[in-house]
Amino acid sequence: MEVFIADIKYLALYKAFLSDCVSRGIHKYEFALNDPKSYLQSIITDVENTSTYFCIQNNEILGAIRFRHHTNTYIENVIGHVGYETRPAARGKGVAKFMLSWLQKNVMSRSIIITCEINNVASEKVINRCTAKYLNQVYSSEKKSDIKRFQLEPT
């Protein structure tokens, strides 16, 4: 596995990633699947706020991870500075931990907040395996769910 900054040269791989994610219930990508090229271009041009990386192996995107460079109340308490998805067929194979560990080593230069919804046991395991410190649990009216907040340090 290798991690690369999102780039238009990965468009075909990204379309397949989106299609697989949507077909297996990750509905937040439905709108991106309508025009993957425009969506990918918007990701690429938003590097001042968010950097997106793809985890690629054997010419297939196994996961995507985003690093939000700035902070605000919503980032601090709801979505965190990091968001990631693992391709459904690649779950349980260490992809999310690989991406998060890579981010800690290669991108992060300061302590950040990472969150997960209370019922996302897999994500919580990934966060803990990357030695994040549990901070607290808050209710998110936006997500209508309790959110676990962690502090993650660079390595």
Protein backbone atom coordinates (compact mmCIF):
# COMPACT_ATOMS: atom_id res chain seq x y z
CA MET A 1 0.00 0.00 0.00
CA GLU A 2 1.10 3.53 -0.77
CA VAL A 3 -0.48 6.90 -0.03
CA PHE A 4 -0.63 9.66 -2.64
CA ILE A 5 -2.12 13.14 -2.70
CA ALA A 6 -5.40 13.18 -4.65
CA ASP A 7 -4.76 13.94 -8.30
CA ILE A 8 -6.81 13.96 -11.50
CA LYS A 9 -4.60 11.15 -12.86
CA TYR A 10 -6.46 8.84 -10.42
CA LEU A 11 -9.89 9.69 -11.89
CA ALA A 12 -10.63 6.20 -13.24
CA LEU A 13 -9.59 4.61 -9.94
CA TYR A 14 -11.62 7.20 -8.04
CA LYS A 15 -14.76 6.47 -10.08
CA ALA A 16 -14.43 2.78 -9.22
CA PHE A 17 -13.87 3.64 -5.54
CA LEU A 18 -16.96 5.87 -5.45
CA SER A 19 -19.09 3.29 -7.23
CA ASP A 20 -18.04 0.54 -4.84
CA CYS A 21 -18.65 2.75 -1.80
CA VAL A 22 -22.12 3.84 -2.95
CA SER A 23 -23.16 0.32 -3.96
CA ARG A 24 -22.26 -0.87 -0.46
CA GLY A 25 -24.15 1.79 1.44
CA ILE A 26 -21.83 4.80 1.78
CA HIS A 27 -24.49 7.22 0.56
CA LYS A 28 -22.53 10.42 1.15
CA TYR A 29 -20.70 9.73 -2.13
CA GLU A 30 -23.86 9.52 -4.28
CA PHE A 31 -23.61 13.15 -5.40
CA ALA A 32 -19.90 12.73 -6.21
CA LEU A 33 -20.70 9.74 -8.41
CA ASN A 34 -22.91 11.98 -10.61
CA ASP A 35 -19.83 13.94 -11.72
CA PRO A 36 -16.66 12.32 -10.34
CA LYS A 37 -14.31 14.51 -12.37
CA SER A 38 -15.75 17.78 -11.03
CA TYR A 39 -15.85 16.40 -7.50
CA LEU A 40 -12.24 15.22 -7.67
CA GLN A 41 -11.17 18.59 -9.11
CA SER A 42 -12.90 20.37 -6.22
CA ILE A 43 -11.00 18.17 -3.76
CA ILE A 44 -7.71 18.91 -5.48
CA THR A 45 -8.23 22.68 -5.53
CA ASP A 46 -9.26 22.91 -1.84
CA VAL A 47 -5.76 22.16 -0.51
CA GLU A 48 -5.67 25.39 1.50
CA ASN A 49 -8.42 23.98 3.74
CA THR A 50 -8.24 20.22 3.30
CA SER A 51 -5.70 17.82 1.82
CA THR A 52 -7.06 14.52 0.51
CA TYR A 53 -4.93 11.43 0.03
CA PHE A 54 -5.62 8.07 -1.61
CA CYS A 55 -4.30 4.75 -0.37
CA ILE A 56 -3.56 2.74 -3.50
CA GLN A 57 -2.54 -0.86 -4.02
CA ASN A 58 -2.58 -2.91 -7.23
CA ASN A 59 -4.06 -0.02 -9.22
CA GLU A 60 -7.04 0.30 -6.85
CA ILE A 61 -7.96 2.96 -4.31
CA LEU A 62 -8.42 1.12 -1.02
CA GLY A 63 -9.19 4.22 1.02
CA ALA A 64 -9.28 7.99 1.17
CA ILE A 65 -8.19 10.19 4.06
CA ARG A 66 -8.67 13.93 4.52
CA PHE A 67 -6.69 16.30 6.73
CA ARG A 68 -8.39 19.59 7.64
CA HIS A 69 -5.72 22.25 8.12
CA HIS A 70 -7.74 24.76 10.11
CA THR A 71 -10.03 24.49 13.09
CA ASN A 72 -13.38 25.73 14.29
CA THR A 73 -16.04 24.55 16.72
CA TYR A 74 -17.60 22.18 14.18
CA ILE A 75 -14.25 20.55 13.40
CA GLU A 76 -13.26 20.41 17.09
CA ASN A 77 -16.54 18.86 18.26
CA VAL A 78 -18.12 17.01 15.35
CA ILE A 79 -16.00 16.00 12.35
CA GLY A 80 -12.44 16.34 13.66
CA HIS A 81 -9.36 17.28 11.66
CA VAL A 82 -9.28 13.88 9.96
CA GLY A 83 -11.90 11.96 8.02
CA TYR A 84 -11.43 8.70 6.18
CA GLU A 85 -13.24 5.92 4.39
CA THR A 86 -12.05 2.47 3.52
CA ARG A 87 -13.34 0.77 0.41
CA PRO A 88 -15.89 -1.78 1.68
CA ALA A 89 -14.04 -4.72 0.08
CA ALA A 90 -10.83 -3.65 1.86
CA ARG A 91 -12.24 -3.28 5.38
CA GLY A 92 -10.64 -5.28 8.14
CA LYS A 93 -7.30 -5.37 6.32
CA GLY A 94 -5.51 -2.54 8.11
CA VAL A 95 -6.09 0.14 5.45
CA ALA A 96 -7.53 2.76 7.82
CA LYS A 97 -4.74 2.28 10.37
CA PHE A 98 -2.15 2.43 7.60
CA MET A 99 -3.58 5.72 6.30
CA LEU A 100 -3.92 7.31 9.74
CA SER A 101 -0.40 6.24 10.78
CA TRP A 102 0.93 7.61 7.48
CA LEU A 103 -0.83 10.92 8.14
CA GLN A 104 0.66 11.11 11.66
CA LYS A 105 4.15 10.59 10.28
CA ASN A 106 4.01 12.53 7.01
CA VAL A 107 1.44 15.31 7.34
CA MET A 108 0.68 16.20 10.93
CA SER A 109 2.92 18.74 12.63
CA ARG A 110 0.75 19.37 15.69
CA SER A 111 -1.78 17.74 17.93
CA ILE A 112 -5.23 17.42 16.32
CA ILE A 113 -8.73 16.27 17.19
CA ILE A 114 -10.12 13.11 15.63
CA THR A 115 -13.68 11.95 16.21
CA CYS A 116 -15.98 9.04 15.58
CA GLU A 117 -19.64 8.38 16.20
CA ILE A 118 -20.27 6.37 19.34
CA ASN A 119 -21.45 3.30 17.42
CA ASN A 120 -18.47 3.22 15.02
CA VAL A 121 -16.47 0.55 16.80
CA ALA A 122 -14.12 -0.10 13.87
CA SER A 123 -13.10 3.55 13.62
CA GLU A 124 -12.61 3.79 17.38
CA LYS A 125 -10.26 0.78 17.22
CA VAL A 126 -8.23 2.44 14.45
CA ILE A 127 -8.01 5.68 16.44
CA ASN A 128 -6.89 3.83 19.58
CA ARG A 129 -4.31 1.77 17.65
CA CYS A 130 -2.75 5.04 16.55
CA THR A 131 -2.36 5.94 20.25
CA ALA A 132 -4.91 8.73 20.38
CA LYS A 133 -5.93 9.98 23.82
CA TYR A 134 -9.65 9.84 24.61
CA LEU A 135 -10.94 13.28 25.56
CA ASN A 136 -14.70 13.06 25.98
CA GLN A 137 -18.03 12.34 24.42
CA VAL A 138 -20.37 15.08 23.16
CA TYR A 139 -23.77 15.10 21.52
CA SER A 140 -23.86 16.40 17.95
CA SER A 141 -27.21 17.86 16.93
CA GLU A 142 -25.92 17.90 13.32
CA LYS A 143 -25.32 14.16 13.33
CA LYS A 144 -28.03 13.40 15.89
CA SER A 145 -25.55 11.15 17.63
CA ASP A 146 -23.00 11.10 20.40
CA ILE A 147 -19.46 11.73 19.18
CA LYS A 148 -16.27 10.46 20.82
CA ARG A 149 -13.42 12.96 20.71
CA PHE A 150 -9.73 12.02 20.78
CA GLN A 151 -6.46 13.90 20.67
CA LEU A 152 -3.96 12.55 18.15
CA GLU A 153 -0.28 13.46 18.14
CA PRO A 154 2.13 13.36 15.19
CA THR A 155 4.78 10.62 15.23
